[in-house]
Amino acid sequence: MRTGLIDWLAVASPPVPEEFLTWLEPSDNANVSSEIFARESVLQLIETLNLLGRGREGAFHLLAADAWATYGCEAAAEEIDVAGALEKVLELLVSAGN
């Protein structure tokens, strides 16, 4: 059984650094999948783009986007169709700029 994102983050290994955990608040507690991680990354990328030139906060959103994308790739590596899952992650990430 897959866990929700909030539960997954609580037991992630290696653990999310405590100081950074507030930047990784999922938009909801959807079940863990490579696609949902990518969608969380896209939300953070969009926020980064919205904050360009407005101080350091955008940098933290970019770091959060990177973390979610990394988790998405890790989750894709565990799926049956690894190539297809990675392709979907990349498609979603590319869509953030549109």
N, C-alpha and C. Protein backbone atom coordinates (compact mmCIF):
# COMPACT_ATOMS: atom_id res chain seq x y z
N MET A 1 0.83 -1.18 0.00
CA MET A 1 0.00 0.00 0.00
C MET A 1 0.88 1.25 0.00
N ARG A 2 0.58 2.17 -0.88
CA ARG A 2 1.32 3.42 -0.94
C ARG A 2 0.84 4.36 0.15
N THR A 3 1.77 5.15 0.64
CA THR A 3 1.42 6.11 1.68
C THR A 3 1.17 7.48 1.06
N GLY A 4 0.59 8.36 1.83
CA GLY A 4 0.41 9.73 1.40
C GLY A 4 1.73 10.48 1.50
N LEU A 5 1.80 11.60 0.80
CA LEU A 5 3.04 12.39 0.77
C LEU A 5 3.48 12.84 2.15
N ILE A 6 2.54 13.26 2.98
CA ILE A 6 2.89 13.74 4.32
C ILE A 6 3.53 12.62 5.13
N ASP A 7 2.93 11.44 5.09
CA ASP A 7 3.49 10.30 5.81
C ASP A 7 4.84 9.89 5.22
N TRP A 8 4.94 9.93 3.90
CA TRP A 8 6.18 9.55 3.23
C TRP A 8 7.32 10.48 3.65
N LEU A 9 7.05 11.78 3.67
CA LEU A 9 8.08 12.74 4.06
C LEU A 9 8.55 12.50 5.49
N ALA A 10 7.63 12.09 6.35
CA ALA A 10 7.96 11.87 7.76
C ALA A 10 8.95 10.73 7.95
N VAL A 11 8.97 9.78 7.00
CA VAL A 11 9.87 8.63 7.15
C VAL A 11 10.90 8.53 6.01
N ALA A 12 11.02 9.59 5.22
CA ALA A 12 11.97 9.58 4.10
C ALA A 12 13.38 9.29 4.59
N SER A 13 14.12 8.55 3.78
CA SER A 13 15.50 8.23 4.13
C SER A 13 16.39 8.53 2.94
N PRO A 14 17.38 9.39 3.09
CA PRO A 14 17.71 10.11 4.32
C PRO A 14 16.61 11.12 4.64
N PRO A 15 16.50 11.48 5.91
CA PRO A 15 15.42 12.39 6.30
C PRO A 15 15.60 13.78 5.70
N VAL A 16 14.48 14.43 5.49
CA VAL A 16 14.50 15.81 5.02
C VAL A 16 15.06 16.66 6.16
N PRO A 17 16.05 17.51 5.88
CA PRO A 17 16.56 18.37 6.96
C PRO A 17 15.43 19.19 7.59
N GLU A 18 15.39 19.21 8.90
CA GLU A 18 14.32 19.89 9.63
C GLU A 18 14.12 21.33 9.17
N GLU A 19 15.21 22.04 8.91
CA GLU A 19 15.12 23.45 8.51
C GLU A 19 14.45 23.61 7.15
N PHE A 20 14.49 22.57 6.34
CA PHE A 20 13.96 22.64 4.98
C PHE A 20 12.56 22.04 4.88
N LEU A 21 12.15 21.32 5.90
CA LEU A 21 10.88 20.59 5.84
C LEU A 21 9.69 21.51 5.56
N THR A 22 9.70 22.73 6.07
CA THR A 22 8.57 23.62 5.83
C THR A 22 8.44 24.00 4.37
N TRP A 23 9.52 23.89 3.59
CA TRP A 23 9.47 24.21 2.17
C TRP A 23 8.94 23.04 1.35
N LEU A 24 8.78 21.89 1.99
CA LEU A 24 8.28 20.70 1.30
C LEU A 24 6.90 20.31 1.80
N GLU A 25 6.05 21.30 2.00
CA GLU A 25 4.68 21.00 2.39
C GLU A 25 3.89 20.66 1.14
N PRO A 26 3.44 19.40 1.02
CA PRO A 26 2.70 19.01 -0.19
C PRO A 26 1.38 19.75 -0.30
N SER A 27 0.92 19.91 -1.53
CA SER A 27 -0.36 20.59 -1.76
C SER A 27 -1.53 19.77 -1.22
N ASP A 28 -1.38 18.46 -1.16
CA ASP A 28 -2.36 17.59 -0.50
C ASP A 28 -1.64 16.31 -0.10
N ASN A 29 -2.36 15.38 0.48
CA ASN A 29 -1.75 14.15 0.96
C ASN A 29 -2.00 13.00 -0.02
N ALA A 30 -1.86 13.29 -1.32
CA ALA A 30 -2.07 12.28 -2.35
C ALA A 30 -1.13 11.10 -2.15
N ASN A 31 -1.50 9.97 -2.70
CA ASN A 31 -0.63 8.80 -2.62
C ASN A 31 0.67 9.03 -3.36
N VAL A 32 1.73 8.50 -2.82
CA VAL A 32 3.07 8.66 -3.38
C VAL A 32 3.16 7.99 -4.75
N SER A 33 3.67 8.75 -5.72
CA SER A 33 3.96 8.23 -7.05
C SER A 33 4.93 9.18 -7.72
N SER A 34 5.59 8.71 -8.75
CA SER A 34 6.53 9.59 -9.46
C SER A 34 5.79 10.80 -10.03
N GLU A 35 4.57 10.59 -10.49
CA GLU A 35 3.80 11.69 -11.08
C GLU A 35 3.43 12.74 -10.03
N ILE A 36 3.02 12.32 -8.85
CA ILE A 36 2.61 13.30 -7.84
C ILE A 36 3.82 14.09 -7.35
N PHE A 37 4.99 13.43 -7.25
CA PHE A 37 6.21 14.17 -6.90
C PHE A 37 6.51 15.22 -7.97
N ALA A 38 6.37 14.84 -9.23
CA ALA A 38 6.63 15.78 -10.33
C ALA A 38 5.64 16.94 -10.28
N ARG A 39 4.40 16.66 -9.98
CA ARG A 39 3.40 17.72 -9.88
C ARG A 39 3.74 18.70 -8.75
N GLU A 40 4.21 18.19 -7.63
CA GLU A 40 4.64 19.06 -6.54
C GLU A 40 5.83 19.91 -6.98
N SER A 41 6.74 19.31 -7.75
CA SER A 41 7.88 20.05 -8.26
C SER A 41 7.42 21.18 -9.17
N VAL A 42 6.47 20.89 -10.03
CA VAL A 42 5.94 21.90 -10.95
C VAL A 42 5.35 23.08 -10.17
N LEU A 43 4.59 22.78 -9.12
CA LEU A 43 4.02 23.86 -8.31
C LEU A 43 5.12 24.77 -7.75
N GLN A 44 6.21 24.16 -7.31
CA GLN A 44 7.32 24.95 -6.77
C GLN A 44 8.06 25.72 -7.88
N LEU A 45 8.19 25.11 -9.04
CA LEU A 45 8.82 25.81 -10.17
C LEU A 45 8.00 27.04 -10.58
N ILE A 46 6.70 26.88 -10.61
CA ILE A 46 5.83 28.00 -10.95
C ILE A 46 5.99 29.12 -9.92
N GLU A 47 6.05 28.75 -8.66
CA GLU A 47 6.24 29.76 -7.61
C GLU A 47 7.60 30.43 -7.76
N THR A 48 8.62 29.67 -8.14
CA THR A 48 9.95 30.25 -8.38
C THR A 48 9.86 31.29 -9.48
N LEU A 49 9.20 30.94 -10.58
CA LEU A 49 9.07 31.88 -11.70
C LEU A 49 8.30 33.13 -11.29
N ASN A 50 7.31 32.96 -10.43
CA ASN A 50 6.52 34.10 -9.97
C ASN A 50 7.33 35.04 -9.08
N LEU A 51 8.38 34.51 -8.47
CA LEU A 51 9.16 35.31 -7.52
C LEU A 51 10.51 35.78 -8.06
N LEU A 52 10.75 35.57 -9.35
CA LEU A 52 12.04 35.99 -9.92
C LEU A 52 12.30 37.47 -9.62
N GLY A 53 13.50 37.74 -9.13
CA GLY A 53 13.89 39.11 -8.86
C GLY A 53 13.30 39.71 -7.60
N ARG A 54 12.68 38.89 -6.77
CA ARG A 54 12.03 39.42 -5.56
C ARG A 54 12.67 38.91 -4.28
N GLY A 55 13.93 38.62 -4.31
CA GLY A 55 14.61 38.20 -3.09
C GLY A 55 14.90 36.71 -3.05
N ARG A 56 15.28 36.27 -1.88
CA ARG A 56 15.77 34.90 -1.70
C ARG A 56 14.69 33.84 -1.64
N GLU A 57 13.46 34.22 -1.40
CA GLU A 57 12.40 33.23 -1.25
C GLU A 57 12.27 32.34 -2.49
N GLY A 58 12.47 32.92 -3.66
CA GLY A 58 12.41 32.14 -4.89
C GLY A 58 13.44 31.03 -4.92
N ALA A 59 14.60 31.29 -4.31
CA ALA A 59 15.65 30.26 -4.27
C ALA A 59 15.19 29.05 -3.46
N PHE A 60 14.46 29.29 -2.38
CA PHE A 60 13.98 28.17 -1.57
C PHE A 60 12.91 27.37 -2.33
N HIS A 61 12.09 28.05 -3.09
CA HIS A 61 11.11 27.34 -3.92
C HIS A 61 11.82 26.50 -4.98
N LEU A 62 12.90 27.04 -5.53
CA LEU A 62 13.67 26.28 -6.53
C LEU A 62 14.30 25.05 -5.89
N LEU A 63 14.82 25.19 -4.68
CA LEU A 63 15.38 24.02 -3.98
C LEU A 63 14.29 22.99 -3.68
N ALA A 64 13.11 23.45 -3.33
CA ALA A 64 12.00 22.53 -3.08
C ALA A 64 11.60 21.82 -4.38
N ALA A 65 11.58 22.57 -5.48
CA ALA A 65 11.27 21.96 -6.78
C ALA A 65 12.28 20.87 -7.11
N ASP A 66 13.55 21.15 -6.85
CA ASP A 66 14.60 20.18 -7.10
C ASP A 66 14.40 18.92 -6.24
N ALA A 67 14.07 19.12 -4.97
CA ALA A 67 13.85 17.98 -4.09
C ALA A 67 12.68 17.12 -4.57
N TRP A 68 11.55 17.76 -4.90
CA TRP A 68 10.40 17.01 -5.38
C TRP A 68 10.72 16.27 -6.68
N ALA A 69 11.46 16.92 -7.58
CA ALA A 69 11.84 16.28 -8.85
C ALA A 69 12.74 15.07 -8.59
N THR A 70 13.66 15.22 -7.66
CA THR A 70 14.55 14.11 -7.31
C THR A 70 13.75 12.94 -6.75
N TYR A 71 12.81 13.24 -5.84
CA TYR A 71 11.96 12.17 -5.30
C TYR A 71 11.14 11.53 -6.42
N GLY A 72 10.71 12.32 -7.38
CA GLY A 72 9.96 11.79 -8.51
C GLY A 72 10.78 10.81 -9.33
N CYS A 73 12.03 11.15 -9.56
CA CYS A 73 12.91 10.24 -10.31
C CYS A 73 13.20 8.98 -9.52
N GLU A 74 13.38 9.12 -8.21
CA GLU A 74 13.59 7.93 -7.37
C GLU A 74 12.36 7.02 -7.41
N ALA A 75 11.18 7.61 -7.34
CA ALA A 75 9.95 6.82 -7.38
C ALA A 75 9.78 6.16 -8.75
N ALA A 76 10.15 6.88 -9.81
CA ALA A 76 10.05 6.32 -11.17
C ALA A 76 10.94 5.10 -11.32
N ALA A 77 12.10 5.13 -10.67
CA ALA A 77 13.03 4.00 -10.75
C ALA A 77 12.46 2.74 -10.13
N GLU A 78 11.43 2.89 -9.30
CA GLU A 78 10.81 1.73 -8.64
C GLU A 78 9.56 1.23 -9.36
N GLU A 79 9.16 1.93 -10.42
CA GLU A 79 7.95 1.53 -11.14
C GLU A 79 8.28 0.46 -12.19
N ILE A 80 7.27 -0.25 -12.63
CA ILE A 80 7.46 -1.32 -13.61
C ILE A 80 7.98 -0.75 -14.92
N ASP A 81 7.38 0.32 -15.41
CA ASP A 81 7.81 0.97 -16.64
C ASP A 81 8.65 2.19 -16.27
N VAL A 82 9.92 1.94 -15.95
CA VAL A 82 10.81 3.01 -15.49
C VAL A 82 10.93 4.11 -16.54
N ALA A 83 11.18 3.73 -17.79
CA ALA A 83 11.35 4.73 -18.85
C ALA A 83 10.09 5.57 -19.02
N GLY A 84 8.93 4.93 -19.01
CA GLY A 84 7.68 5.65 -19.15
C GLY A 84 7.42 6.59 -17.98
N ALA A 85 7.74 6.14 -16.78
CA ALA A 85 7.55 6.97 -15.59
C ALA A 85 8.48 8.17 -15.62
N LEU A 86 9.73 7.96 -16.01
CA LEU A 86 10.68 9.08 -16.11
C LEU A 86 10.26 10.06 -17.19
N GLU A 87 9.76 9.54 -18.30
CA GLU A 87 9.28 10.40 -19.38
C GLU A 87 8.13 11.29 -18.89
N LYS A 88 7.22 10.72 -18.12
CA LYS A 88 6.09 11.49 -17.58
C LYS A 88 6.59 12.56 -16.61
N VAL A 89 7.56 12.23 -15.76
CA VAL A 89 8.14 13.21 -14.84
C VAL A 89 8.72 14.37 -15.64
N LEU A 90 9.49 14.07 -16.68
CA LEU A 90 10.11 15.11 -17.49
C LEU A 90 9.06 15.97 -18.22
N GLU A 91 8.02 15.33 -18.73
CA GLU A 91 6.94 16.07 -19.40
C GLU A 91 6.30 17.07 -18.45
N LEU A 92 6.05 16.63 -17.22
CA LEU A 92 5.43 17.50 -16.24
C LEU A 92 6.36 18.66 -15.87
N LEU A 93 7.65 18.37 -15.70
CA LEU A 93 8.60 19.41 -15.35
C LEU A 93 8.73 20.44 -16.46
N VAL A 94 8.75 19.99 -17.70
CA VAL A 94 8.84 20.90 -18.83
C VAL A 94 7.60 21.79 -18.89
N SER A 95 6.46 21.25 -18.51
CA SER A 95 5.22 22.02 -18.57
C SER A 95 5.21 23.21 -17.61
N ALA A 96 6.09 23.22 -16.63
CA ALA A 96 6.10 24.31 -15.64
C ALA A 96 6.40 25.65 -16.28
N GLY A 97 7.16 25.66 -17.35
CA GLY A 97 7.52 26.91 -18.00
C GLY A 97 6.48 27.42 -18.97
N ASN A 98 5.42 26.65 -19.18
CA ASN A 98 4.38 27.04 -20.15
C ASN A 98 3.21 27.71 -19.50
